Amino acid sequence: MDIRQLKYFVAIVDCGSLSKAAEQLCVAQPSLSQQVAGLETELKTTLLLRSHQGVQPTEASRALYLRARDVLRQKRLKRCSPVRTSLSRIWRPAPHNARDSTRSLWLRVFRN
């Protein structure tokens, strides 16, 4: 199981349709179906009830959906979190003239 499979699974449940999810994700529908089938094989359970009206999550897949959504949210938050730097170390003025001061600043920025 990987993040891509979880992302696809959550999108399918959210959209209620493989074709709508494929369009939203910019992925071919057969590829999306293949990923879900792989996830179902790995978990040894049916995750989606397919019909002409769309897909419905099974009872077993509801827990996976909630957990997958949390995992994707945490991943998104981690990716978007700002890089923490010590501004006092970067912006400490140098005791020499302006040219040395700029050089010193750049050296400190690139060393960190």
PDB file of N, CA and C in Angstrom:
ATOM      1  N   MET A   1       0.856  -1.174   0.000  1.00  0.00           N
ATOM      2  CA  MET A   1       0.000   0.000   0.000  1.00  0.00           C
ATOM      3  C   MET A   1       0.898   1.231   0.000  1.00  0.00           C
ATOM      4  N   ASP A   2       0.589   2.170  -0.875  1.00  0.00           N
ATOM      5  CA  ASP A   2       1.375   3.395  -0.904  1.00  0.00           C
ATOM      6  C   ASP A   2       0.454   4.619  -0.896  1.00  0.00           C
ATOM      7  N   ILE A   3       1.061   5.773  -0.787  1.00  0.00           N
ATOM      8  CA  ILE A   3       0.316   7.025  -0.698  1.00  0.00           C
ATOM      9  C   ILE A   3      -0.552   7.239  -1.932  1.00  0.00           C
ATOM     10  N   ARG A   4      -0.032   6.890  -3.090  1.00  0.00           N
ATOM     11  CA  ARG A   4      -0.795   7.083  -4.328  1.00  0.00           C
ATOM     12  C   ARG A   4      -2.093   6.289  -4.282  1.00  0.00           C
ATOM     13  N   GLN A   5      -2.025   5.035  -3.833  1.00  0.00           N
ATOM     14  CA  GLN A   5      -3.234   4.212  -3.743  1.00  0.00           C
ATOM     15  C   GLN A   5      -4.239   4.825  -2.770  1.00  0.00           C
ATOM     16  N   LEU A   6      -3.740   5.336  -1.646  1.00  0.00           N
ATOM     17  CA  LEU A   6      -4.634   5.970  -0.673  1.00  0.00           C
ATOM     18  C   LEU A   6      -5.273   7.229  -1.260  1.00  0.00           C
ATOM     19  N   LYS A   7      -4.467   8.006  -1.962  1.00  0.00           N
ATOM     20  CA  LYS A   7      -4.978   9.221  -2.602  1.00  0.00           C
ATOM     21  C   LYS A   7      -6.069   8.884  -3.612  1.00  0.00           C
ATOM     22  N   TYR A   8      -5.838   7.875  -4.411  1.00  0.00           N
ATOM     23  CA  TYR A   8      -6.824   7.459  -5.405  1.00  0.00           C
ATOM     24  C   TYR A   8      -8.093   6.954  -4.721  1.00  0.00           C
ATOM     25  N   PHE A   9      -7.930   6.139  -3.699  1.00  0.00           N
ATOM     26  CA  PHE A   9      -9.076   5.573  -2.990  1.00  0.00           C
ATOM     27  C   PHE A   9      -9.938   6.679  -2.377  1.00  0.00           C
ATOM     28  N   VAL A  10      -9.307   7.639  -1.712  1.00  0.00           N
ATOM     29  CA  VAL A  10     -10.049   8.744  -1.089  1.00  0.00           C
ATOM     30  C   VAL A  10     -10.775   9.561  -2.156  1.00  0.00           C
ATOM     31  N   ALA A  11     -10.122   9.821  -3.274  1.00  0.00           N
ATOM     32  CA  ALA A  11     -10.759  10.584  -4.350  1.00  0.00           C
ATOM     33  C   ALA A  11     -11.975   9.846  -4.908  1.00  0.00           C
ATOM     34  N   ILE A  12     -11.861   8.549  -5.067  1.00  0.00           N
ATOM     35  CA  ILE A  12     -12.989   7.759  -5.583  1.00  0.00           C
ATOM     36  C   ILE A  12     -14.173   7.822  -4.632  1.00  0.00           C
ATOM     37  N   VAL A  13     -13.919   7.643  -3.348  1.00  0.00           N
ATOM     38  CA  VAL A  13     -15.004   7.694  -2.364  1.00  0.00           C
ATOM     39  C   VAL A  13     -15.602   9.099  -2.319  1.00  0.00           C
ATOM     40  N   ASP A  14     -14.747  10.119  -2.343  1.00  0.00           N
ATOM     41  CA  ASP A  14     -15.246  11.501  -2.313  1.00  0.00           C
ATOM     42  C   ASP A  14     -16.104  11.824  -3.536  1.00  0.00           C
ATOM     43  N   CYS A  15     -15.676  11.371  -4.713  1.00  0.00           N
ATOM     44  CA  CYS A  15     -16.408  11.655  -5.961  1.00  0.00           C
ATOM     45  C   CYS A  15     -17.605  10.736  -6.153  1.00  0.00           C
ATOM     46  N   GLY A  16     -17.547   9.543  -5.583  1.00  0.00           N
ATOM     47  CA  GLY A  16     -18.625   8.583  -5.749  1.00  0.00           C
ATOM     48  C   GLY A  16     -18.637   7.910  -7.108  1.00  0.00           C
ATOM     49  N   SER A  17     -17.555   8.106  -7.863  1.00  0.00           N
ATOM     50  CA  SER A  17     -17.497   7.547  -9.211  1.00  0.00           C
ATOM     51  C   SER A  17     -16.034   7.411  -9.638  1.00  0.00           C
ATOM     52  N   LEU A  18     -15.729   6.307 -10.292  1.00  0.00           N
ATOM     53  CA  LEU A  18     -14.370   6.116 -10.807  1.00  0.00           C
ATOM     54  C   LEU A  18     -14.058   7.127 -11.907  1.00  0.00           C
ATOM     55  N   SER A  19     -15.022   7.361 -12.801  1.00  0.00           N
ATOM     56  CA  SER A  19     -14.755   8.275 -13.913  1.00  0.00           C
ATOM     57  C   SER A  19     -14.561   9.713 -13.430  1.00  0.00           C
ATOM     58  N   LYS A  20     -15.357  10.153 -12.462  1.00  0.00           N
ATOM     59  CA  LYS A  20     -15.192  11.511 -11.918  1.00  0.00           C
ATOM     60  C   LYS A  20     -13.871  11.645 -11.184  1.00  0.00           C
ATOM     61  N   ALA A  21     -13.498  10.625 -10.427  1.00  0.00           N
ATOM     62  CA  ALA A  21     -12.222  10.647  -9.708  1.00  0.00           C
ATOM     63  C   ALA A  21     -11.049  10.648 -10.690  1.00  0.00           C
ATOM     64  N   ALA A  22     -11.158   9.857 -11.748  1.00  0.00           N
ATOM     65  CA  ALA A  22     -10.099   9.814 -12.760  1.00  0.00           C
ATOM     66  C   ALA A  22      -9.930  11.184 -13.408  1.00  0.00           C
ATOM     67  N   GLU A  23     -11.038  11.836 -13.683  1.00  0.00           N
ATOM     68  CA  GLU A  23     -10.983  13.177 -14.275  1.00  0.00           C
ATOM     69  C   GLU A  23     -10.354  14.169 -13.303  1.00  0.00           C
ATOM     70  N   GLN A  24     -10.757  14.108 -12.051  1.00  0.00           N
ATOM     71  CA  GLN A  24     -10.227  15.019 -11.035  1.00  0.00           C
ATOM     72  C   GLN A  24      -8.725  14.815 -10.834  1.00  0.00           C
ATOM     73  N   LEU A  25      -8.288  13.567 -10.850  1.00  0.00           N
ATOM     74  CA  LEU A  25      -6.877  13.241 -10.617  1.00  0.00           C
ATOM     75  C   LEU A  25      -6.023  13.313 -11.886  1.00  0.00           C
ATOM     76  N   CYS A  26      -6.676  13.512 -13.029  1.00  0.00           N
ATOM     77  CA  CYS A  26      -5.980  13.514 -14.327  1.00  0.00           C
ATOM     78  C   CYS A  26      -5.255  12.188 -14.556  1.00  0.00           C
ATOM     79  N   VAL A  27      -5.999  11.107 -14.327  1.00  0.00           N
ATOM     80  CA  VAL A  27      -5.483   9.749 -14.478  1.00  0.00           C
ATOM     81  C   VAL A  27      -6.477   8.978 -15.340  1.00  0.00           C
ATOM     82  N   ALA A  28      -5.989   8.052 -16.131  1.00  0.00           N
ATOM     83  CA  ALA A  28      -6.887   7.216 -16.929  1.00  0.00           C
ATOM     84  C   ALA A  28      -7.703   6.314 -16.005  1.00  0.00           C
ATOM     85  N   GLN A  29      -8.970   6.147 -16.327  1.00  0.00           N
ATOM     86  CA  GLN A  29      -9.848   5.341 -15.477  1.00  0.00           C
ATOM     87  C   GLN A  29      -9.358   3.900 -15.301  1.00  0.00           C
ATOM     88  N   PRO A  30      -8.858   3.232 -16.350  1.00  0.00           N
ATOM     89  CA  PRO A  30      -8.362   1.871 -16.150  1.00  0.00           C
ATOM     90  C   PRO A  30      -7.189   1.811 -15.154  1.00  0.00           C
ATOM     91  N   SER A  31      -6.359   2.815 -15.192  1.00  0.00           N
ATOM     92  CA  SER A  31      -5.234   2.864 -14.249  1.00  0.00           C
ATOM     93  C   SER A  31      -5.738   3.009 -12.811  1.00  0.00           C
ATOM     94  N   LEU A  32      -6.739   3.848 -12.649  1.00  0.00           N
ATOM     95  CA  LEU A  32      -7.350   4.047 -11.333  1.00  0.00           C
ATOM     96  C   LEU A  32      -7.990   2.759 -10.829  1.00  0.00           C
ATOM     97  N   SER A  33      -8.720   2.084 -11.695  1.00  0.00           N
ATOM     98  CA  SER A  33      -9.349   0.805 -11.345  1.00  0.00           C
ATOM     99  C   SER A  33      -8.308  -0.233 -10.961  1.00  0.00           C
ATOM    100  N   GLN A  34      -7.205  -0.237 -11.689  1.00  0.00           N
ATOM    101  CA  GLN A  34      -6.124  -1.192 -11.422  1.00  0.00           C
ATOM    102  C   GLN A  34      -5.509  -0.943 -10.043  1.00  0.00           C
ATOM    103  N   GLN A  35      -5.321   0.315  -9.690  1.00  0.00           N
ATOM    104  CA  GLN A  35      -4.748   0.646  -8.383  1.00  0.00           C
ATOM    105  C   GLN A  35      -5.681   0.210  -7.245  1.00  0.00           C
ATOM    106  N   VAL A  36      -6.973   0.436  -7.421  1.00  0.00           N
ATOM    107  CA  VAL A  36      -7.949   0.038  -6.398  1.00  0.00           C
ATOM    108  C   VAL A  36      -8.004  -1.478  -6.295  1.00  0.00           C
ATOM    109  N   ALA A  37      -7.963  -2.154  -7.431  1.00  0.00           N
ATOM    110  CA  ALA A  37      -7.968  -3.628  -7.432  1.00  0.00           C
ATOM    111  C   ALA A  37      -6.735  -4.157  -6.697  1.00  0.00           C
ATOM    112  N   GLY A  38      -5.598  -3.511  -6.912  1.00  0.00           N
ATOM    113  CA  GLY A  38      -4.375  -3.906  -6.201  1.00  0.00           C
ATOM    114  C   GLY A  38      -4.503  -3.705  -4.700  1.00  0.00           C
ATOM    115  N   LEU A  39      -5.126  -2.614  -4.314  1.00  0.00           N
ATOM    116  CA  LEU A  39      -5.357  -2.336  -2.897  1.00  0.00           C
ATOM    117  C   LEU A  39      -6.308  -3.364  -2.300  1.00  0.00           C
ATOM    118  N   GLU A  40      -7.360  -3.717  -3.028  1.00  0.00           N
ATOM    119  CA  GLU A  40      -8.305  -4.733  -2.566  1.00  0.00           C
ATOM    120  C   GLU A  40      -7.625  -6.097  -2.439  1.00  0.00           C
ATOM    121  N   THR A  41      -6.774  -6.424  -3.380  1.00  0.00           N
ATOM    122  CA  THR A  41      -6.044  -7.699  -3.323  1.00  0.00           C
ATOM    123  C   THR A  41      -5.118  -7.731  -2.121  1.00  0.00           C
ATOM    124  N   GLU A  42      -4.409  -6.634  -1.913  1.00  0.00           N
ATOM    125  CA  GLU A  42      -3.475  -6.560  -0.790  1.00  0.00           C
ATOM    126  C   GLU A  42      -4.186  -6.674   0.551  1.00  0.00           C
ATOM    127  N   LEU A  43      -5.350  -6.032   0.668  1.00  0.00           N
ATOM    128  CA  LEU A  43      -6.103  -6.059   1.924  1.00  0.00           C
ATOM    129  C   LEU A  43      -7.040  -7.259   2.026  1.00  0.00           C
ATOM    130  N   LYS A  44      -7.152  -8.019   0.938  1.00  0.00           N
ATOM    131  CA  LYS A  44      -7.997  -9.212   0.886  1.00  0.00           C
ATOM    132  C   LYS A  44      -9.444  -8.916   1.275  1.00  0.00           C
ATOM    133  N   THR A  45      -9.963  -7.811   0.739  1.00  0.00           N
ATOM    134  CA  THR A  45     -11.350  -7.441   0.975  1.00  0.00           C
ATOM    135  C   THR A  45     -11.848  -6.542  -0.148  1.00  0.00           C
ATOM    136  N   THR A  46     -13.147  -6.514  -0.346  1.00  0.00           N
ATOM    137  CA  THR A  46     -13.746  -5.615  -1.320  1.00  0.00           C
ATOM    138  C   THR A  46     -13.916  -4.254  -0.661  1.00  0.00           C
ATOM    139  N   LEU A  47     -13.416  -3.229  -1.321  1.00  0.00           N
ATOM    140  CA  LEU A  47     -13.490  -1.882  -0.757  1.00  0.00           C
ATOM    141  C   LEU A  47     -14.641  -1.070  -1.331  1.00  0.00           C
ATOM    142  N   LEU A  48     -14.986  -1.335  -2.592  1.00  0.00           N
ATOM    143  CA  LEU A  48     -16.013  -0.542  -3.259  1.00  0.00           C
ATOM    144  C   LEU A  48     -17.065  -1.440  -3.905  1.00  0.00           C
ATOM    145  N   LEU A  49     -18.318  -1.057  -3.740  1.00  0.00           N
ATOM    146  CA  LEU A  49     -19.419  -1.733  -4.425  1.00  0.00           C
ATOM    147  C   LEU A  49     -19.687  -0.940  -5.699  1.00  0.00           C
ATOM    148  N   ARG A  50     -19.405  -1.539  -6.838  1.00  0.00           N
ATOM    149  CA  ARG A  50     -19.525  -0.861  -8.123  1.00  0.00           C
ATOM    150  C   ARG A  50     -20.908  -1.098  -8.728  1.00  0.00           C
ATOM    151  N   SER A  51     -21.471  -0.041  -9.315  1.00  0.00           N
ATOM    152  CA  SER A  51     -22.752  -0.152 -10.024  1.00  0.00           C
ATOM    153  C   SER A  51     -22.761   0.890 -11.144  1.00  0.00           C
ATOM    154  N   HIS A  52     -23.839   0.906 -11.924  1.00  0.00           N
ATOM    155  CA  HIS A  52     -23.946   1.895 -12.996  1.00  0.00           C
ATOM    156  C   HIS A  52     -24.104   3.309 -12.439  1.00  0.00           C
ATOM    157  N   GLN A  53     -24.591   3.409 -11.221  1.00  0.00           N
ATOM    158  CA  GLN A  53     -24.777   4.723 -10.600  1.00  0.00           C
ATOM    159  C   GLN A  53     -23.491   5.268  -9.967  1.00  0.00           C
ATOM    160  N   GLY A  54     -22.468   4.460  -9.855  1.00  0.00           N
ATOM    161  CA  GLY A  54     -21.219   4.894  -9.245  1.00  0.00           C
ATOM    162  C   GLY A  54     -20.682   3.833  -8.306  1.00  0.00           C
ATOM    163  N   VAL A  55     -19.955   4.267  -7.295  1.00  0.00           N
ATOM    164  CA  VAL A  55     -19.382   3.338  -6.318  1.00  0.00           C
ATOM    165  C   VAL A  55     -19.815   3.738  -4.912  1.00  0.00           C
ATOM    166  N   GLN A  56     -19.924   2.759  -4.071  1.00  0.00           N
ATOM    167  CA  GLN A  56     -20.240   2.959  -2.659  1.00  0.00           C
ATOM    168  C   GLN A  56     -19.187   2.245  -1.830  1.00  0.00           C
ATOM    169  N   PRO A  57     -18.688   2.874  -0.768  1.00  0.00           N
ATOM    170  CA  PRO A  57     -17.720   2.179   0.080  1.00  0.00           C
ATOM    171  C   PRO A  57     -18.399   1.064   0.871  1.00  0.00           C
ATOM    172  N   THR A  58     -17.683  -0.021   1.068  1.00  0.00           N
ATOM    173  CA  THR A  58     -18.197  -1.107   1.907  1.00  0.00           C
ATOM    174  C   THR A  58     -17.975  -0.731   3.361  1.00  0.00           C
ATOM    175  N   GLU A  59     -18.563  -1.504   4.237  1.00  0.00           N
ATOM    176  CA  GLU A  59     -18.373  -1.259   5.673  1.00  0.00           C
ATOM    177  C   GLU A  59     -16.897  -1.330   6.044  1.00  0.00           C
ATOM    178  N   ALA A  60     -16.206  -2.314   5.481  1.00  0.00           N
ATOM    179  CA  ALA A  60     -14.775  -2.489   5.779  1.00  0.00           C
ATOM    180  C   ALA A  60     -13.941  -1.309   5.299  1.00  0.00           C
ATOM    181  N   SER A  61     -14.359  -0.686   4.197  1.00  0.00           N
ATOM    182  CA  SER A  61     -13.543   0.392   3.639  1.00  0.00           C
ATOM    183  C   SER A  61     -13.783   1.741   4.314  1.00  0.00           C
ATOM    184  N   ARG A  62     -14.827   1.872   5.096  1.00  0.00           N
ATOM    185  CA  ARG A  62     -15.092   3.161   5.754  1.00  0.00           C
ATOM    186  C   ARG A  62     -13.980   3.520   6.742  1.00  0.00           C
ATOM    187  N   ALA A  63     -13.498   2.536   7.477  1.00  0.00           N
ATOM    188  CA  ALA A  63     -12.394   2.783   8.415  1.00  0.00           C
ATOM    189  C   ALA A  63     -11.121   3.146   7.657  1.00  0.00           C
ATOM    190  N   LEU A  64     -10.875   2.436   6.552  1.00  0.00           N
ATOM    191  CA  LEU A  64      -9.708   2.751   5.727  1.00  0.00           C
ATOM    192  C   LEU A  64      -9.818   4.167   5.176  1.00  0.00           C
ATOM    193  N   TYR A  65     -10.995   4.553   4.738  1.00  0.00           N
ATOM    194  CA  TYR A  65     -11.214   5.891   4.186  1.00  0.00           C
ATOM    195  C   TYR A  65     -10.864   6.969   5.218  1.00  0.00           C
ATOM    196  N   LEU A  66     -11.374   6.826   6.434  1.00  0.00           N
ATOM    197  CA  LEU A  66     -11.104   7.823   7.470  1.00  0.00           C
ATOM    198  C   LEU A  66      -9.617   7.913   7.792  1.00  0.00           C
ATOM    199  N   ARG A  67      -8.978   6.757   7.904  1.00  0.00           N
ATOM    200  CA  ARG A  67      -7.543   6.735   8.207  1.00  0.00           C
ATOM    201  C   ARG A  67      -6.729   7.272   7.038  1.00  0.00           C
ATOM    202  N   ALA A  68      -7.081   6.913   5.828  1.00  0.00           N
ATOM    203  CA  ALA A  68      -6.356   7.391   4.645  1.00  0.00           C
ATOM    204  C   ALA A  68      -6.475   8.900   4.512  1.00  0.00           C
ATOM    205  N   ARG A  69      -7.653   9.414   4.787  1.00  0.00           N
ATOM    206  CA  ARG A  69      -7.852  10.870   4.735  1.00  0.00           C
ATOM    207  C   ARG A  69      -6.954  11.580   5.734  1.00  0.00           C
ATOM    208  N   ASP A  70      -6.847  11.024   6.947  1.00  0.00           N
ATOM    209  CA  ASP A  70      -5.963  11.606   7.970  1.00  0.00           C
ATOM    210  C   ASP A  70      -4.506  11.547   7.538  1.00  0.00           C
ATOM    211  N   VAL A  71      -4.097  10.417   6.987  1.00  0.00           N
ATOM    212  CA  VAL A  71      -2.705  10.262   6.540  1.00  0.00           C
ATOM    213  C   VAL A  71      -2.387  11.282   5.447  1.00  0.00           C
ATOM    214  N   LEU A  72      -3.280  11.451   4.490  1.00  0.00           N
ATOM    215  CA  LEU A  72      -3.055  12.409   3.403  1.00  0.00           C
ATOM    216  C   LEU A  72      -3.030  13.843   3.920  1.00  0.00           C
ATOM    217  N   ARG A  73      -3.885  14.144   4.885  1.00  0.00           N
ATOM    218  CA  ARG A  73      -3.896  15.490   5.476  1.00  0.00           C
ATOM    219  C   ARG A  73      -2.587  15.756   6.208  1.00  0.00           C
ATOM    220  N   GLN A  74      -2.121  14.782   6.980  1.00  0.00           N
ATOM    221  CA  GLN A  74      -0.857  14.944   7.699  1.00  0.00           C
ATOM    222  C   GLN A  74       0.307  15.112   6.723  1.00  0.00           C
ATOM    223  N   LYS A  75       0.291  14.360   5.656  1.00  0.00           N
ATOM    224  CA  LYS A  75       1.348  14.472   4.646  1.00  0.00           C
ATOM    225  C   LYS A  75       1.332  15.860   4.015  1.00  0.00           C
ATOM    226  N   ARG A  76       0.132  16.357   3.715  1.00  0.00           N
ATOM    227  CA  ARG A  76      -0.003  17.684   3.121  1.00  0.00           C
ATOM    228  C   ARG A  76       0.483  18.760   4.087  1.00  0.00           C
ATOM    229  N   LEU A  77       0.143  18.633   5.366  1.00  0.00           N
ATOM    230  CA  LEU A  77       0.586  19.611   6.361  1.00  0.00           C
ATOM    231  C   LEU A  77       2.094  19.575   6.531  1.00  0.00           C
ATOM    232  N   LYS A  78       2.654  18.383   6.528  1.00  0.00           N
ATOM    233  CA  LYS A  78       4.102  18.250   6.681  1.00  0.00           C
ATOM    234  C   LYS A  78       4.826  18.885   5.508  1.00  0.00           C
ATOM    235  N   ARG A  79       4.309  18.679   4.294  1.00  0.00           N
ATOM    236  CA  ARG A  79       4.933  19.231   3.104  1.00  0.00           C
ATOM    237  C   ARG A  79       4.834  20.753   3.089  1.00  0.00           C
ATOM    238  N   CYS A  80       3.762  21.312   3.650  1.00  0.00           N
ATOM    239  CA  CYS A  80       3.545  22.755   3.611  1.00  0.00           C
ATOM    240  C   CYS A  80       4.101  23.489   4.822  1.00  0.00           C
ATOM    241  N   SER A  81       4.637  22.766   5.794  1.00  0.00           N
ATOM    242  CA  SER A  81       5.124  23.444   6.997  1.00  0.00           C
ATOM    243  C   SER A  81       6.363  24.266   6.663  1.00  0.00           C
ATOM    244  N   PRO A  82       6.471  25.459   7.250  1.00  0.00           N
ATOM    245  CA  PRO A  82       7.613  26.324   6.944  1.00  0.00           C
ATOM    246  C   PRO A  82       8.906  25.760   7.504  1.00  0.00           C
ATOM    247  N   VAL A  83       9.979  26.083   6.839  1.00  0.00           N
ATOM    248  CA  VAL A  83      11.297  25.669   7.304  1.00  0.00           C
ATOM    249  C   VAL A  83      11.667  26.562   8.474  1.00  0.00           C
ATOM    250  N   ARG A  84      12.069  25.964   9.548  1.00  0.00           N
ATOM    251  CA  ARG A  84      12.422  26.739  10.728  1.00  0.00           C
ATOM    252  C   ARG A  84      13.890  27.120  10.658  1.00  0.00           C
ATOM    253  N   THR A  85      14.131  28.392  10.784  1.00  0.00           N
ATOM    254  CA  THR A  85      15.508  28.878  10.794  1.00  0.00           C
ATOM    255  C   THR A  85      15.691  29.792  11.982  1.00  0.00           C
ATOM    256  N   SER A  86      16.903  29.937  12.380  1.00  0.00           N
ATOM    257  CA  SER A  86      17.226  30.853  13.460  1.00  0.00           C
ATOM    258  C   SER A  86      17.563  32.200  12.839  1.00  0.00           C
ATOM    259  N   LEU A  87      16.606  33.119  12.840  1.00  0.00           N
ATOM    260  CA  LEU A  87      16.825  34.417  12.220  1.00  0.00           C
ATOM    261  C   LEU A  87      17.913  35.200  12.929  1.00  0.00           C
ATOM    262  N   SER A  88      18.069  35.006  14.209  1.00  0.00           N
ATOM    263  CA  SER A  88      19.114  35.737  14.922  1.00  0.00           C
ATOM    264  C   SER A  88      20.498  35.352  14.414  1.00  0.00           C
ATOM    265  N   ARG A  89      20.686  34.074  14.023  1.00  0.00           N
ATOM    266  CA  ARG A  89      21.981  33.669  13.474  1.00  0.00           C
ATOM    267  C   ARG A  89      22.173  34.209  12.068  1.00  0.00           C
ATOM    268  N   ILE A  90      21.120  34.235  11.269  1.00  0.00           N
ATOM    269  CA  ILE A  90      21.253  34.682   9.893  1.00  0.00           C
ATOM    270  C   ILE A  90      21.449  36.190   9.807  1.00  0.00           C
ATOM    271  N   TRP A  91      20.725  36.946  10.606  1.00  0.00           N
ATOM    272  CA  TRP A  91      20.724  38.406  10.463  1.00  0.00           C
ATOM    273  C   TRP A  91      21.603  39.120  11.472  1.00  0.00           C
ATOM    274  N   ARG A  92      22.484  38.439  12.140  1.00  0.00           N
ATOM    275  CA  ARG A  92      23.395  39.079  13.077  1.00  0.00           C
ATOM    276  C   ARG A  92      24.348  39.991  12.296  1.00  0.00           C
ATOM    277  N   PRO A  93      24.427  41.273  12.646  1.00  0.00           N
ATOM    278  CA  PRO A  93      25.297  42.170  11.890  1.00  0.00           C
ATOM    279  C   PRO A  93      26.778  41.833  12.108  1.00  0.00           C
ATOM    280  N   ALA A  94      27.536  41.989  11.060  1.00  0.00           N
ATOM    281  CA  ALA A  94      28.977  41.745  11.136  1.00  0.00           C
ATOM    282  C   ALA A  94      29.672  43.012  11.638  1.00  0.00           C
ATOM    283  N   PRO A  95      30.783  42.878  12.334  1.00  0.00           N
ATOM    284  CA  PRO A  95      31.446  44.048  12.909  1.00  0.00           C
ATOM    285  C   PRO A  95      32.280  44.846  11.905  1.00  0.00           C
ATOM    286  N   HIS A  96      32.421  44.387  10.658  1.00  0.00           N
ATOM    287  CA  HIS A  96      33.285  45.044   9.685  1.00  0.00           C
ATOM    288  C   HIS A  96      32.496  45.959   8.765  1.00  0.00           C
ATOM    289  N   ASN A  97      33.112  46.407   7.708  1.00  0.00           N
ATOM    290  CA  ASN A  97      32.457  47.333   6.779  1.00  0.00           C
ATOM    291  C   ASN A  97      31.296  46.652   6.050  1.00  0.00           C
ATOM    292  N   ALA A  98      30.552  47.413   5.244  1.00  0.00           N
ATOM    293  CA  ALA A  98      29.330  46.916   4.599  1.00  0.00           C
ATOM    294  C   ALA A  98      29.610  45.747   3.663  1.00  0.00           C
ATOM    295  N   ARG A  99      30.720  45.806   2.928  1.00  0.00           N
ATOM    296  CA  ARG A  99      31.029  44.729   1.995  1.00  0.00           C
ATOM    297  C   ARG A  99      31.276  43.426   2.738  1.00  0.00           C
ATOM    298  N   ASP A 100      32.068  43.468   3.805  1.00  0.00           N
ATOM    299  CA  ASP A 100      32.319  42.282   4.613  1.00  0.00           C
ATOM    300  C   ASP A 100      31.038  41.795   5.284  1.00  0.00           C
ATOM    301  N   SER A 101      30.221  42.725   5.647  1.00  0.00           N
ATOM    302  CA  SER A 101      28.965  42.404   6.305  1.00  0.00           C
ATOM    303  C   SER A 101      28.066  41.573   5.385  1.00  0.00           C
ATOM    304  N   THR A 102      27.960  41.985   4.112  1.00  0.00           N
ATOM    305  CA  THR A 102      27.150  41.252   3.145  1.00  0.00           C
ATOM    306  C   THR A 102      27.737  39.875   2.896  1.00  0.00           C
ATOM    307  N   ARG A 103      29.052  39.815   2.721  1.00  0.00           N
ATOM    308  CA  ARG A 103      29.727  38.535   2.492  1.00  0.00           C
ATOM    309  C   ARG A 103      29.516  37.600   3.675  1.00  0.00           C
ATOM    310  N   SER A 104      29.653  38.132   4.864  1.00  0.00           N
ATOM    311  CA  SER A 104      29.471  37.349   6.074  1.00  0.00           C
ATOM    312  C   SER A 104      28.040  36.825   6.181  1.00  0.00           C
ATOM    313  N   LEU A 105      27.079  37.675   5.831  1.00  0.00           N
ATOM    314  CA  LEU A 105      25.673  37.275   5.867  1.00  0.00           C
ATOM    315  C   LEU A 105      25.425  36.108   4.918  1.00  0.00           C
ATOM    316  N   TRP A 106      25.906  36.209   3.678  1.00  0.00           N
ATOM    317  CA  TRP A 106      25.694  35.147   2.708  1.00  0.00           C
ATOM    318  C   TRP A 106      26.374  33.857   3.124  1.00  0.00           C
ATOM    319  N   LEU A 107      27.544  33.960   3.700  1.00  0.00           N
ATOM    320  CA  LEU A 107      28.228  32.755   4.165  1.00  0.00           C
ATOM    321  C   LEU A 107      27.411  32.066   5.265  1.00  0.00           C
ATOM    322  N   ARG A 108      26.864  32.864   6.177  1.00  0.00           N
ATOM    323  CA  ARG A 108      26.054  32.290   7.257  1.00  0.00           C
ATOM    324  C   ARG A 108      24.776  31.651   6.727  1.00  0.00           C
ATOM    325  N   VAL A 109      24.164  32.274   5.733  1.00  0.00           N
ATOM    326  CA  VAL A 109      22.914  31.736   5.163  1.00  0.00           C
ATOM    327  C   VAL A 109      23.188  30.391   4.508  1.00  0.00           C
ATOM    328  N   PHE A 110      24.264  30.296   3.717  1.00  0.00           N
ATOM    329  CA  PHE A 110      24.534  29.073   2.983  1.00  0.00           C
ATOM    330  C   PHE A 110      25.132  27.966   3.851  1.00  0.00           C
ATOM    331  N   ARG A 111      25.707  28.305   4.968  1.00  0.00           N
ATOM    332  CA  ARG A 111      26.227  27.269   5.870  1.00  0.00           C
ATOM    333  C   ARG A 111      25.102  26.569   6.618  1.00  0.00           C
ATOM    334  N   ASN A 112      23.985  27.244   6.810  1.00  0.00           N
ATOM    335  CA  ASN A 112      22.870  26.678   7.584  1.00  0.00           C
ATOM    336  C   ASN A 112      22.012  25.891   6.748  1.00  0.00           C
TER     337      ASN A 112
END
